[in-house]
Amino acid sequence: MNKQRIILRGMIVVLTFTIGVSVYEIWSDITLSDISSEMSWTSEEIEQNCDIYAGLPQLNRTDRIIYGSGVRGTSCTSTANVRVYLKQDRRFWFDRTLASNVGGGTNFEVFVRYNCRGTGSQMVYIEVRSGNKKVQSRRVGVAYCG
């Protein structure tokens, strides 16, 4: 019985040594630049208090244009790019992008517009993206602008 315990202990020691060597080999391949690239943050991630807003889409009936805007709030102190999309809400399917625009800076507003092409009705909304944040306005029904 003692021989079996010694052999079992020897197997555990050999197994531990083998695993320890393989873990060491894995860690020895990682350099400081690999770790620092994983630990780099964008200014948008650091500045969590920066607010973005999506305005409600509006319809100019005489010119038959849907327009809207996205705003990067006054709480922002760093510069960043903001993408604003005017989208058609298609239930049970992917939403269609009608128009988009990009702006950059500290505190600013980006406008989008879409020329109506038909006489149908549709639900539209504004989506604003900046860094890892995404904000959407509520859906608005637009008649005679299919």
C-alpha atoms as a PDB file:
ATOM      1  CA  MET A   1       0.000   0.000   0.000  1.00  0.00           C
ATOM      2  CA  ASN A   2       2.845   2.402   0.773  1.00  0.00           C
ATOM      3  CA  LYS A   3       4.365   1.706  -2.644  1.00  0.00           C
ATOM      4  CA  GLN A   4       1.110   2.717  -4.315  1.00  0.00           C
ATOM      5  CA  ARG A   5       0.959   5.993  -2.385  1.00  0.00           C
ATOM      6  CA  ILE A   6       4.544   6.804  -3.328  1.00  0.00           C
ATOM      7  CA  ILE A   7       3.870   6.058  -6.995  1.00  0.00           C
ATOM      8  CA  LEU A   8       0.663   8.115  -6.862  1.00  0.00           C
ATOM      9  CA  ARG A   9       2.500  11.020  -5.186  1.00  0.00           C
ATOM     10  CA  GLY A  10       5.192  10.773  -7.839  1.00  0.00           C
ATOM     11  CA  MET A  11       2.598  10.943 -10.604  1.00  0.00           C
ATOM     12  CA  ILE A  12       1.015  14.025  -9.029  1.00  0.00           C
ATOM     13  CA  VAL A  13       4.418  15.690  -8.705  1.00  0.00           C
ATOM     14  CA  VAL A  14       5.274  14.893 -12.327  1.00  0.00           C
ATOM     15  CA  LEU A  15       1.851  16.084 -13.469  1.00  0.00           C
ATOM     16  CA  THR A  16       2.169  19.305 -11.463  1.00  0.00           C
ATOM     17  CA  PHE A  17       5.653  19.906 -12.816  1.00  0.00           C
ATOM     18  CA  THR A  18       4.488  19.330 -16.389  1.00  0.00           C
ATOM     19  CA  ILE A  19       1.548  21.672 -16.045  1.00  0.00           C
ATOM     20  CA  GLY A  20       3.711  24.265 -14.308  1.00  0.00           C
ATOM     21  CA  VAL A  21       6.224  24.180 -17.154  1.00  0.00           C
ATOM     22  CA  SER A  22       3.517  24.571 -19.796  1.00  0.00           C
ATOM     23  CA  VAL A  23       1.935  27.484 -17.902  1.00  0.00           C
ATOM     24  CA  TYR A  24       5.366  29.073 -17.581  1.00  0.00           C
ATOM     25  CA  GLU A  25       5.977  28.640 -21.303  1.00  0.00           C
ATOM     26  CA  ILE A  26       2.643  30.298 -22.097  1.00  0.00           C
ATOM     27  CA  TRP A  27       3.381  33.262 -19.815  1.00  0.00           C
ATOM     28  CA  SER A  28       6.952  33.627 -21.076  1.00  0.00           C
ATOM     29  CA  ASP A  29       5.602  34.249 -24.598  1.00  0.00           C
ATOM     30  CA  ILE A  30       3.524  37.241 -23.465  1.00  0.00           C
ATOM     31  CA  THR A  31       5.380  40.538 -23.583  1.00  0.00           C
ATOM     32  CA  LEU A  32       4.667  43.813 -21.810  1.00  0.00           C
ATOM     33  CA  SER A  33       3.454  45.393 -25.082  1.00  0.00           C
ATOM     34  CA  ASP A  34       0.802  42.658 -25.390  1.00  0.00           C
ATOM     35  CA  ILE A  35      -0.491  43.443 -21.915  1.00  0.00           C
ATOM     36  CA  SER A  36      -0.361  47.220 -22.389  1.00  0.00           C
ATOM     37  CA  SER A  37      -2.298  47.023 -25.680  1.00  0.00           C
ATOM     38  CA  GLU A  38      -5.032  45.110 -23.856  1.00  0.00           C
ATOM     39  CA  MET A  39      -5.054  47.749 -21.110  1.00  0.00           C
ATOM     40  CA  SER A  40      -5.318  50.807 -23.365  1.00  0.00           C
ATOM     41  CA  TRP A  41      -8.531  52.811 -23.139  1.00  0.00           C
ATOM     42  CA  THR A  42     -10.056  55.347 -25.451  1.00  0.00           C
ATOM     43  CA  SER A  43     -11.007  58.746 -24.130  1.00  0.00           C
ATOM     44  CA  GLU A  44     -14.671  57.778 -24.588  1.00  0.00           C
ATOM     45  CA  GLU A  45     -14.300  54.812 -22.241  1.00  0.00           C
ATOM     46  CA  ILE A  46     -12.520  56.901 -19.612  1.00  0.00           C
ATOM     47  CA  GLU A  47     -15.096  59.680 -19.811  1.00  0.00           C
ATOM     48  CA  GLN A  48     -18.192  57.798 -18.694  1.00  0.00           C
ATOM     49  CA  ASN A  49     -20.114  60.992 -17.860  1.00  0.00           C
ATOM     50  CA  CYS A  50     -20.231  62.112 -21.495  1.00  0.00           C
ATOM     51  CA  ASP A  51     -23.876  62.121 -22.601  1.00  0.00           C
ATOM     52  CA  ILE A  52     -25.226  61.669 -26.108  1.00  0.00           C
ATOM     53  CA  TYR A  53     -28.816  62.344 -27.122  1.00  0.00           C
ATOM     54  CA  ALA A  54     -31.029  61.391 -30.054  1.00  0.00           C
ATOM     55  CA  GLY A  55     -33.616  63.959 -31.091  1.00  0.00           C
ATOM     56  CA  LEU A  56     -37.033  62.998 -32.444  1.00  0.00           C
ATOM     57  CA  PRO A  57     -37.347  62.731 -36.223  1.00  0.00           C
ATOM     58  CA  GLN A  58     -39.390  65.544 -37.758  1.00  0.00           C
ATOM     59  CA  LEU A  59     -41.212  65.800 -41.096  1.00  0.00           C
ATOM     60  CA  ASN A  60     -41.157  68.912 -43.252  1.00  0.00           C
ATOM     61  CA  ARG A  61     -44.382  68.279 -45.189  1.00  0.00           C
ATOM     62  CA  THR A  62     -43.932  70.990 -47.825  1.00  0.00           C
ATOM     63  CA  ASP A  63     -40.429  69.832 -48.857  1.00  0.00           C
ATOM     64  CA  ARG A  64     -41.196  66.157 -48.010  1.00  0.00           C
ATOM     65  CA  ILE A  65     -38.020  65.746 -45.939  1.00  0.00           C
ATOM     66  CA  ILE A  66     -37.534  63.774 -42.724  1.00  0.00           C
ATOM     67  CA  TYR A  67     -34.800  65.274 -40.573  1.00  0.00           C
ATOM     68  CA  GLY A  68     -33.325  64.798 -37.131  1.00  0.00           C
ATOM     69  CA  SER A  69     -30.180  65.230 -35.087  1.00  0.00           C
ATOM     70  CA  GLY A  70     -27.872  63.693 -32.542  1.00  0.00           C
ATOM     71  CA  VAL A  71     -26.199  65.750 -29.826  1.00  0.00           C
ATOM     72  CA  ARG A  72     -23.018  65.219 -27.835  1.00  0.00           C
ATOM     73  CA  GLY A  73     -23.723  66.857 -24.479  1.00  0.00           C
ATOM     74  CA  THR A  74     -22.060  69.695 -22.618  1.00  0.00           C
ATOM     75  CA  SER A  75     -20.655  67.250 -20.031  1.00  0.00           C
ATOM     76  CA  CYS A  76     -18.093  66.049 -22.615  1.00  0.00           C
ATOM     77  CA  THR A  77     -14.574  67.412 -22.307  1.00  0.00           C
ATOM     78  CA  SER A  78     -12.692  65.273 -24.842  1.00  0.00           C
ATOM     79  CA  THR A  79     -13.129  65.087 -28.601  1.00  0.00           C
ATOM     80  CA  ALA A  80     -14.828  62.145 -30.292  1.00  0.00           C
ATOM     81  CA  ASN A  81     -16.676  61.142 -33.432  1.00  0.00           C
ATOM     82  CA  VAL A  82     -20.430  60.703 -33.406  1.00  0.00           C
ATOM     83  CA  ARG A  83     -22.436  58.770 -35.999  1.00  0.00           C
ATOM     84  CA  VAL A  84     -26.101  59.681 -36.444  1.00  0.00           C
ATOM     85  CA  TYR A  85     -28.499  57.424 -38.347  1.00  0.00           C
ATOM     86  CA  LEU A  86     -32.065  57.987 -39.493  1.00  0.00           C
ATOM     87  CA  LYS A  87     -33.595  54.503 -39.563  1.00  0.00           C
ATOM     88  CA  GLN A  88     -36.841  52.923 -40.669  1.00  0.00           C
ATOM     89  CA  ASP A  89     -38.260  50.581 -38.044  1.00  0.00           C
ATOM     90  CA  ARG A  90     -39.162  47.320 -39.779  1.00  0.00           C
ATOM     91  CA  ARG A  91     -40.904  45.017 -37.340  1.00  0.00           C
ATOM     92  CA  PHE A  92     -39.492  41.482 -37.170  1.00  0.00           C
ATOM     93  CA  TRP A  93     -36.684  42.394 -39.591  1.00  0.00           C
ATOM     94  CA  PHE A  94     -33.460  44.406 -39.682  1.00  0.00           C
ATOM     95  CA  ASP A  95     -34.033  48.158 -39.629  1.00  0.00           C
ATOM     96  CA  ARG A  96     -33.187  50.033 -42.811  1.00  0.00           C
ATOM     97  CA  THR A  97     -30.831  53.020 -42.679  1.00  0.00           C
ATOM     98  CA  LEU A  98     -32.386  55.899 -44.599  1.00  0.00           C
ATOM     99  CA  ALA A  99     -29.627  58.467 -43.987  1.00  0.00           C
ATOM    100  CA  SER A 100     -26.474  58.865 -41.904  1.00  0.00           C
ATOM    101  CA  ASN A 101     -23.935  61.512 -41.040  1.00  0.00           C
ATOM    102  CA  VAL A 102     -20.715  61.747 -39.006  1.00  0.00           C
ATOM    103  CA  GLY A 103     -19.409  64.624 -36.923  1.00  0.00           C
ATOM    104  CA  GLY A 104     -16.492  65.180 -34.602  1.00  0.00           C
ATOM    105  CA  GLY A 105     -15.578  67.523 -31.801  1.00  0.00           C
ATOM    106  CA  THR A 106     -16.314  68.160 -28.136  1.00  0.00           C
ATOM    107  CA  ASN A 107     -19.886  69.455 -27.787  1.00  0.00           C
ATOM    108  CA  PHE A 108     -21.809  69.541 -31.054  1.00  0.00           C
ATOM    109  CA  GLU A 109     -24.916  68.501 -32.989  1.00  0.00           C
ATOM    110  CA  VAL A 110     -24.997  66.327 -36.130  1.00  0.00           C
ATOM    111  CA  PHE A 111     -27.952  66.518 -38.527  1.00  0.00           C
ATOM    112  CA  VAL A 112     -29.387  63.913 -40.898  1.00  0.00           C
ATOM    113  CA  ARG A 113     -32.053  64.293 -43.585  1.00  0.00           C
ATOM    114  CA  TYR A 114     -33.923  62.049 -45.969  1.00  0.00           C
ATOM    115  CA  ASN A 115     -35.966  63.005 -49.053  1.00  0.00           C
ATOM    116  CA  CYS A 116     -39.303  61.174 -49.147  1.00  0.00           C
ATOM    117  CA  ARG A 117     -39.846  58.976 -52.200  1.00  0.00           C
ATOM    118  CA  GLY A 118     -43.386  57.676 -51.967  1.00  0.00           C
ATOM    119  CA  THR A 119     -46.805  58.085 -50.443  1.00  0.00           C
ATOM    120  CA  GLY A 120     -46.753  55.262 -47.877  1.00  0.00           C
ATOM    121  CA  SER A 121     -46.371  55.487 -44.118  1.00  0.00           C
ATOM    122  CA  GLN A 122     -43.437  54.302 -42.038  1.00  0.00           C
ATOM    123  CA  MET A 123     -42.060  54.321 -38.507  1.00  0.00           C
ATOM    124  CA  VAL A 124     -38.687  56.081 -38.176  1.00  0.00           C
ATOM    125  CA  TYR A 125     -36.236  56.883 -35.393  1.00  0.00           C
ATOM    126  CA  ILE A 126     -32.819  58.467 -34.802  1.00  0.00           C
ATOM    127  CA  GLU A 127     -29.867  56.387 -33.582  1.00  0.00           C
ATOM    128  CA  VAL A 128     -26.688  57.998 -32.215  1.00  0.00           C
ATOM    129  CA  ARG A 129     -23.427  56.105 -31.666  1.00  0.00           C
ATOM    130  CA  SER A 130     -20.272  57.380 -30.017  1.00  0.00           C
ATOM    131  CA  GLY A 131     -17.556  55.031 -28.800  1.00  0.00           C
ATOM    132  CA  ASN A 132     -19.292  52.172 -26.992  1.00  0.00           C
ATOM    133  CA  LYS A 133     -22.517  54.099 -26.426  1.00  0.00           C
ATOM    134  CA  LYS A 134     -25.658  53.822 -28.525  1.00  0.00           C
ATOM    135  CA  VAL A 135     -28.850  55.830 -27.959  1.00  0.00           C
ATOM    136  CA  GLN A 136     -32.129  55.682 -29.885  1.00  0.00           C
ATOM    137  CA  SER A 137     -35.052  58.077 -29.995  1.00  0.00           C
ATOM    138  CA  ARG A 138     -38.587  56.803 -29.706  1.00  0.00           C
ATOM    139  CA  ARG A 139     -40.292  55.642 -32.894  1.00  0.00           C
ATOM    140  CA  VAL A 140     -42.348  58.217 -34.803  1.00  0.00           C
ATOM    141  CA  GLY A 141     -44.960  57.499 -37.464  1.00  0.00           C
ATOM    142  CA  VAL A 142     -44.512  59.456 -40.678  1.00  0.00           C
ATOM    143  CA  ALA A 143     -47.392  59.492 -43.198  1.00  0.00           C
ATOM    144  CA  TYR A 144     -47.124  60.107 -46.971  1.00  0.00           C
ATOM    145  CA  CYS A 145     -43.392  59.502 -47.013  1.00  0.00           C
ATOM    146  CA  GLY A 146     -42.800  55.881 -48.041  1.00  0.00           C
END
